[in-house]
C-alpha atoms as a PDB file:
ATOM      1  CA  MET A   1      -0.014  -0.005  -0.004  1.00  0.00           C
ATOM      2  CA  SER A   2       1.389   3.400  -0.994  1.00  0.00           C
ATOM      3  CA  LEU A   3       1.637   6.279   1.495  1.00  0.00           C
ATOM      4  CA  THR A   4      -1.275   8.028  -0.246  1.00  0.00           C
ATOM      5  CA  ASP A   5      -3.417   4.879  -0.115  1.00  0.00           C
ATOM      6  CA  ASN A   6      -2.647   4.568   3.570  1.00  0.00           C
ATOM      7  CA  ALA A   7      -3.685   8.169   4.154  1.00  0.00           C
ATOM      8  CA  ILE A   8      -6.945   7.574   2.257  1.00  0.00           C
ATOM      9  CA  ALA A   9      -7.575   4.436   4.349  1.00  0.00           C
ATOM     10  CA  ARG A  10      -7.045   6.364   7.600  1.00  0.00           C
ATOM     11  CA  ILE A  11      -9.637   8.988   6.655  1.00  0.00           C
ATOM     12  CA  ARG A  12     -12.054   6.363   5.414  1.00  0.00           C
ATOM     13  CA  GLU A  13     -11.770   4.557   8.721  1.00  0.00           C
ATOM     14  CA  LEU A  14     -12.762   7.764  10.585  1.00  0.00           C
ATOM     15  CA  ILE A  15     -15.853   7.876   8.361  1.00  0.00           C
ATOM     16  CA  ARG A  16     -16.633   4.200   8.608  1.00  0.00           C
ATOM     17  CA  SER A  17     -16.344   4.218  12.404  1.00  0.00           C
ATOM     18  CA  GLY A  18     -18.707   7.184  12.707  1.00  0.00           C
ATOM     19  CA  ALA A  19     -16.084   9.562  13.993  1.00  0.00           C
ATOM     20  CA  LEU A  20     -16.807  11.630  10.858  1.00  0.00           C
ATOM     21  CA  PRO A  21     -20.478  10.944  10.034  1.00  0.00           C
ATOM     22  CA  PRO A  22     -22.226  12.126   6.808  1.00  0.00           C
ATOM     23  CA  GLY A  23     -22.293  15.911   6.675  1.00  0.00           C
ATOM     24  CA  ALA A  24     -19.533  16.326   9.256  1.00  0.00           C
ATOM     25  CA  LYS A  25     -16.851  18.966   8.771  1.00  0.00           C
ATOM     26  CA  LEU A  26     -13.257  17.760   8.834  1.00  0.00           C
ATOM     27  CA  PRO A  27     -10.807  19.357  11.279  1.00  0.00           C
ATOM     28  CA  PRO A  28      -8.385  21.848   9.797  1.00  0.00           C
ATOM     29  CA  GLU A  29      -5.825  20.205   7.518  1.00  0.00           C
ATOM     30  CA  GLN A  30      -2.863  20.726   9.876  1.00  0.00           C
ATOM     31  CA  GLN A  31      -4.791  19.360  12.883  1.00  0.00           C
ATOM     32  CA  LEU A  32      -6.128  16.291  11.118  1.00  0.00           C
ATOM     33  CA  ALA A  33      -2.692  15.536   9.643  1.00  0.00           C
ATOM     34  CA  ALA A  34      -1.107  15.718  13.049  1.00  0.00           C
ATOM     35  CA  GLU A  35      -3.830  13.523  14.608  1.00  0.00           C
ATOM     36  CA  LEU A  36      -3.314  10.882  11.929  1.00  0.00           C
ATOM     37  CA  GLY A  37       0.455  11.166  11.872  1.00  0.00           C
ATOM     38  CA  LEU A  38       0.521  12.240   8.198  1.00  0.00           C
ATOM     39  CA  SER A  39       2.301  14.929   6.349  1.00  0.00           C
ATOM     40  CA  ARG A  40       0.168  17.783   5.022  1.00  0.00           C
ATOM     41  CA  ASN A  41       1.090  16.835   1.450  1.00  0.00           C
ATOM     42  CA  LEU A  42      -0.183  13.310   1.968  1.00  0.00           C
ATOM     43  CA  MET A  43      -3.320  14.692   3.636  1.00  0.00           C
ATOM     44  CA  ARG A  44      -4.003  16.894   0.581  1.00  0.00           C
ATOM     45  CA  GLU A  45      -3.565  13.990  -1.814  1.00  0.00           C
ATOM     46  CA  ALA A  46      -5.902  11.802   0.222  1.00  0.00           C
ATOM     47  CA  VAL A  47      -8.557  14.503   0.392  1.00  0.00           C
ATOM     48  CA  LYS A  48      -8.351  15.097  -3.382  1.00  0.00           C
ATOM     49  CA  ALA A  49      -8.846  11.371  -4.017  1.00  0.00           C
ATOM     50  CA  LEU A  50     -11.812  11.200  -1.669  1.00  0.00           C
ATOM     51  CA  VAL A  51     -13.395  14.272  -3.272  1.00  0.00           C
ATOM     52  CA  VAL A  52     -13.189  12.587  -6.690  1.00  0.00           C
ATOM     53  CA  ALA A  53     -14.826   9.501  -5.132  1.00  0.00           C
ATOM     54  CA  ARG A  54     -17.630  11.740  -3.825  1.00  0.00           C
ATOM     55  CA  VAL A  55     -16.826  10.820  -0.222  1.00  0.00           C
ATOM     56  CA  LEU A  56     -15.736  14.357   0.660  1.00  0.00           C
ATOM     57  CA  GLU A  57     -16.696  17.723  -0.734  1.00  0.00           C
ATOM     58  CA  ILE A  58     -14.806  21.011  -0.499  1.00  0.00           C
ATOM     59  CA  ARG A  59     -16.901  24.054   0.185  1.00  0.00           C
ATOM     60  CA  ARG A  60     -14.924  27.123  -0.805  1.00  0.00           C
ATOM     61  CA  GLY A  61     -14.322  29.444   2.082  1.00  0.00           C
ATOM     62  CA  ASP A  62     -15.868  27.019   4.554  1.00  0.00           C
ATOM     63  CA  GLY A  63     -13.866  23.801   4.667  1.00  0.00           C
ATOM     64  CA  THR A  64     -14.067  20.124   3.752  1.00  0.00           C
ATOM     65  CA  TYR A  65     -17.115  18.025   4.557  1.00  0.00           C
ATOM     66  CA  VAL A  66     -18.179  14.398   4.405  1.00  0.00           C
ATOM     67  CA  THR A  67     -20.855  14.053   1.759  1.00  0.00           C
ATOM     68  CA  SER A  68     -24.248  12.470   2.340  1.00  0.00           C
ATOM     69  CA  LEU A  69     -22.677   9.135   1.363  1.00  0.00           C
ATOM     70  CA  GLN A  70     -25.835   8.233  -0.510  1.00  0.00           C
ATOM     71  CA  PRO A  71     -25.636   5.459  -3.126  1.00  0.00           C
ATOM     72  CA  ARG A  72     -26.416   7.842  -6.014  1.00  0.00           C
ATOM     73  CA  LEU A  73     -23.217   9.752  -5.081  1.00  0.00           C
ATOM     74  CA  LEU A  74     -20.851   6.890  -4.187  1.00  0.00           C
ATOM     75  CA  LEU A  75     -21.886   4.771  -7.206  1.00  0.00           C
ATOM     76  CA  GLU A  76     -21.889   7.664  -9.641  1.00  0.00           C
ATOM     77  CA  GLY A  77     -18.382   6.767 -10.828  1.00  0.00           C
ATOM     78  CA  LEU A  78     -19.584   3.287 -11.862  1.00  0.00           C
ATOM     79  CA  ALA A  79     -21.160   4.653 -15.083  1.00  0.00           C
ATOM     80  CA  VAL A  80     -17.894   6.432 -15.967  1.00  0.00           C
ATOM     81  CA  ALA A  81     -15.858   3.306 -15.365  1.00  0.00           C
ATOM     82  CA  VAL A  82     -18.294   1.182 -17.411  1.00  0.00           C
ATOM     83  CA  GLU A  83     -18.026   3.489 -20.402  1.00  0.00           C
ATOM     84  CA  LEU A  84     -14.243   2.786 -20.480  1.00  0.00           C
ATOM     85  CA  LEU A  85     -14.732  -0.960 -20.884  1.00  0.00           C
ATOM     86  CA  HIS A  86     -14.304  -2.531 -24.300  1.00  0.00           C
ATOM     87  CA  GLY A  87     -15.261  -5.498 -26.476  1.00  0.00           C
ATOM     88  CA  GLU A  88     -16.787  -8.545 -24.827  1.00  0.00           C
ATOM     89  CA  THR A  89     -17.559  -6.566 -21.692  1.00  0.00           C
ATOM     90  CA  LEU A  90     -20.735  -5.309 -23.388  1.00  0.00           C
ATOM     91  CA  LEU A  91     -21.996  -8.908 -23.287  1.00  0.00           C
ATOM     92  CA  GLU A  92     -20.849  -9.278 -19.652  1.00  0.00           C
ATOM     93  CA  LEU A  93     -22.785  -6.168 -18.727  1.00  0.00           C
ATOM     94  CA  THR A  94     -25.893  -7.485 -20.442  1.00  0.00           C
ATOM     95  CA  GLU A  95     -25.520 -10.734 -18.441  1.00  0.00           C
ATOM     96  CA  THR A  96     -25.171  -8.649 -15.281  1.00  0.00           C
ATOM     97  CA  ARG A  97     -28.346  -6.779 -16.191  1.00  0.00           C
ATOM     98  CA  ARG A  98     -30.130 -10.107 -16.660  1.00  0.00           C
ATOM     99  CA  LEU A  99     -29.162 -11.180 -13.139  1.00  0.00           C
ATOM    100  CA  PHE A 100     -30.424  -7.956 -11.460  1.00  0.00           C
ATOM    101  CA  GLU A 101     -33.165  -6.354 -13.491  1.00  0.00           C
ATOM    102  CA  PRO A 102     -35.838  -9.108 -13.509  1.00  0.00           C
ATOM    103  CA  VAL A 103     -35.670  -9.426  -9.707  1.00  0.00           C
ATOM    104  CA  ALA A 104     -35.825  -5.626  -9.389  1.00  0.00           C
ATOM    105  CA  THR A 105     -38.858  -5.639 -11.675  1.00  0.00           C
ATOM    106  CA  GLY A 106     -40.614  -8.158  -9.471  1.00  0.00           C
ATOM    107  CA  LEU A 107     -39.788  -6.012  -6.424  1.00  0.00           C
ATOM    108  CA  ALA A 108     -41.240  -2.988  -8.256  1.00  0.00           C
ATOM    109  CA  ALA A 109     -44.473  -4.842  -8.869  1.00  0.00           C
ATOM    110  CA  ARG A 110     -44.880  -5.403  -5.102  1.00  0.00           C
ATOM    111  CA  ARG A 111     -44.117  -1.748  -4.284  1.00  0.00           C
ATOM    112  CA  MET A 112     -45.647   0.050  -7.266  1.00  0.00           C
ATOM    113  CA  THR A 113     -47.855   3.035  -6.438  1.00  0.00           C
ATOM    114  CA  PRO A 114     -50.481   4.515  -8.766  1.00  0.00           C
ATOM    115  CA  GLU A 115     -48.259   7.566  -9.265  1.00  0.00           C
ATOM    116  CA  ALA A 116     -45.197   5.426 -10.139  1.00  0.00           C
ATOM    117  CA  LEU A 117     -47.260   3.266 -12.509  1.00  0.00           C
ATOM    118  CA  ALA A 118     -48.441   6.415 -14.301  1.00  0.00           C
ATOM    119  CA  VAL A 119     -44.815   7.394 -14.957  1.00  0.00           C
ATOM    120  CA  VAL A 120     -44.132   3.912 -16.431  1.00  0.00           C
ATOM    121  CA  ALA A 121     -47.335   4.199 -18.565  1.00  0.00           C
ATOM    122  CA  ARG A 122     -46.209   7.561 -19.952  1.00  0.00           C
ATOM    123  CA  GLU A 123     -42.882   6.145 -21.027  1.00  0.00           C
ATOM    124  CA  LEU A 124     -44.518   3.170 -22.645  1.00  0.00           C
ATOM    125  CA  GLU A 125     -46.835   5.504 -24.582  1.00  0.00           C
ATOM    126  CA  ALA A 126     -43.799   7.565 -25.649  1.00  0.00           C
ATOM    127  CA  MET A 127     -42.127   4.360 -26.880  1.00  0.00           C
ATOM    128  CA  ARG A 128     -45.167   3.633 -29.061  1.00  0.00           C
ATOM    129  CA  ALA A 129     -45.039   7.128 -30.508  1.00  0.00           C
ATOM    130  CA  ALA A 130     -41.296   6.794 -31.245  1.00  0.00           C
ATOM    131  CA  ARG A 131     -41.379   3.306 -32.784  1.00  0.00           C
ATOM    132  CA  ASP A 132     -39.958   4.610 -36.088  1.00  0.00           C
ATOM    133  CA  ASP A 133     -37.208   6.704 -34.451  1.00  0.00           C
ATOM    134  CA  VAL A 134     -34.516   4.308 -33.118  1.00  0.00           C
ATOM    135  CA  GLU A 135     -32.654   6.689 -30.843  1.00  0.00           C
ATOM    136  CA  LEU A 136     -35.803   8.238 -29.398  1.00  0.00           C
ATOM    137  CA  LEU A 137     -37.317   4.756 -28.876  1.00  0.00           C
ATOM    138  CA  VAL A 138     -34.261   3.571 -27.020  1.00  0.00           C
ATOM    139  CA  HIS A 139     -34.265   6.814 -24.991  1.00  0.00           C
ATOM    140  CA  HIS A 140     -37.783   6.122 -23.753  1.00  0.00           C
ATOM    141  CA  ASP A 141     -36.888   2.435 -23.350  1.00  0.00           C
ATOM    142  CA  ALA A 142     -34.258   3.495 -20.827  1.00  0.00           C
ATOM    143  CA  ALA A 143     -36.699   5.889 -19.158  1.00  0.00           C
ATOM    144  CA  PHE A 144     -39.252   3.104 -18.887  1.00  0.00           C
ATOM    145  CA  HIS A 145     -36.775   0.878 -17.027  1.00  0.00           C
ATOM    146  CA  SER A 146     -35.600   3.763 -14.855  1.00  0.00           C
ATOM    147  CA  ALA A 147     -39.201   4.447 -13.837  1.00  0.00           C
ATOM    148  CA  VAL A 148     -39.691   0.800 -12.934  1.00  0.00           C
ATOM    149  CA  LEU A 149     -36.503   0.740 -10.888  1.00  0.00           C
ATOM    150  CA  ALA A 150     -37.433   3.927  -9.092  1.00  0.00           C
ATOM    151  CA  ALA A 151     -40.644   2.242  -7.974  1.00  0.00           C
ATOM    152  CA  THR A 152     -38.585  -0.231  -5.936  1.00  0.00           C
ATOM    153  CA  GLY A 153     -37.563   2.546  -3.551  1.00  0.00           C
ATOM    154  CA  ASN A 154     -34.115   0.937  -3.406  1.00  0.00           C
ATOM    155  CA  GLU A 155     -31.645   3.643  -4.271  1.00  0.00           C
ATOM    156  CA  THR A 156     -28.643   1.308  -4.209  1.00  0.00           C
ATOM    157  CA  LEU A 157     -30.263  -1.015  -6.738  1.00  0.00           C
ATOM    158  CA  VAL A 158     -31.306   1.940  -8.922  1.00  0.00           C
ATOM    159  CA  SER A 159     -27.744   3.335  -8.863  1.00  0.00           C
ATOM    160  CA  LEU A 160     -26.172  -0.012  -9.702  1.00  0.00           C
ATOM    161  CA  LEU A 161     -28.448  -0.703 -12.694  1.00  0.00           C
ATOM    162  CA  ASP A 162     -28.219   2.903 -13.917  1.00  0.00           C
ATOM    163  CA  GLY A 163     -24.446   2.527 -13.816  1.00  0.00           C
ATOM    164  CA  ILE A 164     -24.425  -0.350 -16.361  1.00  0.00           C
ATOM    165  CA  SER A 165     -27.213   0.940 -18.562  1.00  0.00           C
ATOM    166  CA  GLY A 166     -25.022   3.194 -20.736  1.00  0.00           C
ATOM    167  CA  ARG A 167     -23.178   0.293 -22.429  1.00  0.00           C
ATOM    168  CA  THR A 168     -26.212  -2.015 -22.505  1.00  0.00           C
ATOM    169  CA  LEU A 169     -28.101   0.784 -24.234  1.00  0.00           C
ATOM    170  CA  ARG A 170     -25.605   0.499 -27.113  1.00  0.00           C
ATOM    171  CA  GLY A 171     -26.566  -3.145 -27.466  1.00  0.00           C
ATOM    172  CA  ARG A 172     -30.212  -2.163 -27.720  1.00  0.00           C
ATOM    173  CA  ILE A 173     -29.485   0.537 -30.332  1.00  0.00           C
ATOM    174  CA  TRP A 174     -27.376  -1.841 -32.444  1.00  0.00           C
ATOM    175  CA  ARG A 175     -30.163  -4.387 -32.331  1.00  0.00           C
ATOM    176  CA  ALA A 176     -32.735  -1.811 -33.452  1.00  0.00           C
ATOM    177  CA  LEU A 177     -30.520  -0.655 -36.285  1.00  0.00           C
ATOM    178  CA  VAL A 178     -29.734  -4.129 -37.591  1.00  0.00           C
ATOM    179  CA  ASP A 179     -32.966  -6.031 -36.844  1.00  0.00           C
ATOM    180  CA  GLU A 180     -35.993  -4.534 -38.658  1.00  0.00           C
ATOM    181  CA  HIS A 181     -38.419  -6.324 -36.344  1.00  0.00           C
ATOM    182  CA  ALA A 182     -36.731  -5.260 -33.135  1.00  0.00           C
ATOM    183  CA  SER A 183     -38.938  -2.214 -32.463  1.00  0.00           C
ATOM    184  CA  ALA A 184     -42.152  -4.239 -32.665  1.00  0.00           C
ATOM    185  CA  ARG A 185     -40.765  -6.978 -30.386  1.00  0.00           C
ATOM    186  CA  THR A 186     -39.410  -4.441 -27.951  1.00  0.00           C
ATOM    187  CA  LEU A 187     -42.804  -2.788 -27.638  1.00  0.00           C
ATOM    188  CA  THR A 188     -44.531  -6.127 -27.160  1.00  0.00           C
ATOM    189  CA  GLU A 189     -42.076  -7.091 -24.391  1.00  0.00           C
ATOM    190  CA  HIS A 190     -42.495  -3.750 -22.592  1.00  0.00           C
ATOM    191  CA  GLU A 191     -46.250  -3.994 -22.828  1.00  0.00           C
ATOM    192  CA  ALA A 192     -46.097  -7.405 -21.144  1.00  0.00           C
ATOM    193  CA  ILE A 193     -43.914  -5.979 -18.363  1.00  0.00           C
ATOM    194  CA  TYR A 194     -46.320  -3.071 -17.910  1.00  0.00           C
ATOM    195  CA  ASP A 195     -49.350  -5.347 -17.741  1.00  0.00           C
ATOM    196  CA  ALA A 196     -47.646  -7.436 -15.039  1.00  0.00           C
ATOM    197  CA  LEU A 197     -46.793  -4.339 -13.029  1.00  0.00           C
ATOM    198  CA  ALA A 198     -50.342  -2.985 -13.344  1.00  0.00           C
ATOM    199  CA  ALA A 199     -51.686  -6.336 -12.120  1.00  0.00           C
ATOM    200  CA  GLY A 200     -49.276  -6.246  -9.154  1.00  0.00           C
ATOM    201  CA  ASP A 201     -48.059  -9.720 -10.137  1.00  0.00           C
ATOM    202  CA  ALA A 202     -44.464  -9.895  -8.956  1.00  0.00           C
ATOM    203  CA  ALA A 203     -43.762 -13.342 -10.382  1.00  0.00           C
ATOM    204  CA  LEU A 204     -45.117 -12.431 -13.811  1.00  0.00           C
ATOM    205  CA  ALA A 205     -43.281  -9.065 -13.774  1.00  0.00           C
ATOM    206  CA  GLU A 206     -40.008 -10.856 -13.051  1.00  0.00           C
ATOM    207  CA  ALA A 207     -40.647 -13.419 -15.803  1.00  0.00           C
ATOM    208  CA  THR A 208     -41.564 -10.835 -18.455  1.00  0.00           C
ATOM    209  CA  ALA A 209     -38.510  -8.756 -17.589  1.00  0.00           C
ATOM    210  CA  LEU A 210     -36.314 -11.860 -17.859  1.00  0.00           C
ATOM    211  CA  VAL A 211     -37.709 -12.617 -21.314  1.00  0.00           C
ATOM    212  CA  HIS A 212     -37.058  -9.018 -22.384  1.00  0.00           C
ATOM    213  CA  VAL A 213     -33.445  -8.798 -21.162  1.00  0.00           C
ATOM    214  CA  SER A 214     -32.650 -12.366 -22.396  1.00  0.00           C
ATOM    215  CA  SER A 215     -33.936 -11.366 -25.851  1.00  0.00           C
ATOM    216  CA  THR A 216     -31.368  -8.603 -26.103  1.00  0.00           C
ATOM    217  CA  GLU A 217     -28.640 -10.823 -24.662  1.00  0.00           C
ATOM    218  CA  HIS A 218     -29.323 -13.660 -27.162  1.00  0.00           C
ATOM    219  CA  TRP A 219     -29.291 -11.215 -30.067  1.00  0.00           C
ATOM    220  CA  LEU A 220     -25.983  -9.758 -28.884  1.00  0.00           C
ATOM    221  CA  HIS A 221     -24.497 -13.277 -28.578  1.00  0.00           C
ATOM    222  CA  ARG A 222     -25.377 -13.975 -32.203  1.00  0.00           C
ATOM    223  CA  HIS A 223     -24.158 -10.591 -33.369  1.00  0.00           C
ATOM    224  CA  LEU A 224     -20.748 -10.992 -31.665  1.00  0.00           C
ATOM    225  CA  ASP A 225     -20.403 -14.615 -32.945  1.00  0.00           C
ATOM    226  CA  ALA A 226     -21.058 -13.360 -36.457  1.00  0.00           C
ATOM    227  CA  GLN A 227     -18.463 -10.593 -36.071  1.00  0.00           C
ATOM    228  CA  ARG A 228     -15.865 -13.089 -34.799  1.00  0.00           C
ATOM    229  CA  ALA A 229     -16.624 -15.405 -37.718  1.00  0.00           C
ATOM    230  CA  VAL A 230     -16.212 -12.624 -40.321  1.00  0.00           C
ATOM    231  CA  LYS A 231     -12.979 -11.509 -38.664  1.00  0.00           C
ATOM    232  CA  ALA A 232     -11.616 -15.058 -38.682  1.00  0.00           C
ATOM    233  CA  GLU A 233     -12.495 -15.498 -42.401  1.00  0.00           C
ATOM    234  CA  ALA A 234     -10.853 -12.175 -43.226  1.00  0.00           C
ATOM    235  CA  GLU A 235      -7.692 -13.134 -41.355  1.00  0.00           C
ATOM    236  CA  GLU A 236      -7.538 -16.468 -43.181  1.00  0.00           C
ATOM    237  CA  ALA A 237      -7.929 -14.673 -46.506  1.00  0.00           C
ATOM    238  CA  ASP A 238      -5.437 -12.044 -45.358  1.00  0.00           C
ATOM    239  CA  GLU A 239      -7.988  -9.347 -45.978  1.00  0.00           C
ATOM    240  CA  PRO A 240      -8.946  -6.474 -43.659  1.00  0.00           C
ATOM    241  CA  ALA A 241     -12.008  -7.336 -41.562  1.00  0.00           C
ATOM    242  CA  PRO A 242     -15.064  -5.066 -41.944  1.00  0.00           C
ATOM    243  CA  LEU A 243     -15.365  -2.371 -39.393  1.00  0.00           C
ATOM    244  CA  PRO A 244     -17.678  -3.103 -36.400  1.00  0.00           C
ATOM    245  CA  LEU A 245     -20.947  -1.272 -36.010  1.00  0.00           C
ATOM    246  CA  PRO A 246     -20.318   2.383 -35.116  1.00  0.00           C
ATOM    247  CA  ALA A 247     -21.079   3.516 -31.626  1.00  0.00           C
ATOM    248  CA  PRO A 248     -24.292   5.548 -31.581  1.00  0.00           C
ATOM    249  CA  ALA A 249     -24.444   9.149 -30.552  1.00  0.00           C
ATOM    250  CA  PRO A 250     -24.321   9.687 -26.740  1.00  0.00           C
ATOM    251  CA  GLU A 251     -27.635   8.700 -25.146  1.00  0.00           C
ATOM    252  CA  ARG A 252     -29.787  11.368 -23.758  1.00  0.00           C
ATOM    253  CA  THR A 253     -30.177  10.884 -20.038  1.00  0.00           C
ATOM    254  CA  PRO A 254     -33.784  10.054 -19.292  1.00  0.00           C
ATOM    255  CA  ALA A 255     -35.430  12.524 -16.971  1.00  0.00           C
ATOM    256  CA  VAL A 256     -37.564  10.253 -14.827  1.00  0.00           C
ATOM    257  CA  GLY A 257     -38.909  11.382 -11.538  1.00  0.00           C
ATOM    258  CA  ARG A 258     -37.918   9.236  -8.638  1.00  0.00           C
END
């Protein structure tokens, strides 16, 4: 462990133990450095790292504070890290989504309120209206799932699944661009999820969500297998392989009330 990592660990332990609870102001830099037996330079580096991690925040002219430590803050960096992943990790993320999202959808069915269901219904209607506009359709697709997740009331689960959605969205866009029947199937799958949520049937909601996520995952498997086959043939023929599908324009972040 480096000296900086050790300094970070010392401050994190103060937070974990409750000595510095959420919202607490840190002692002056010189005082805290002396208490922890650290140099002021190491203290500054540790604080900078914890600010980036959203554990601490610097209020100009006031001091350094512990943040609220809410999941939406601490897991915010997950989406950034996910966007840096390459290649087969898109499939791994889709598999991860399959493990979490159906269970979350079942939980949402048990906790769904009329107000939350109305938000889901609005996004489903927006998907119907956008069925011929791929990017707009996928935008409302993401908003639909965000609304469902928000209904669970589990902020940690929402933050985790939101964190992986950026790359899995690319898979959904690719599918819609390549598969001419994808939009119709997507709408049918979302309508089935909505009907299960409206009925308050947790088991059915989980099952319909599993069918939906698995459909995208199976398509992605076939697409990647086809790409690998084409690449292998091109290498055997000593010809350049065709370029992969271009990444779509950055997704618009869905504005869903939670």
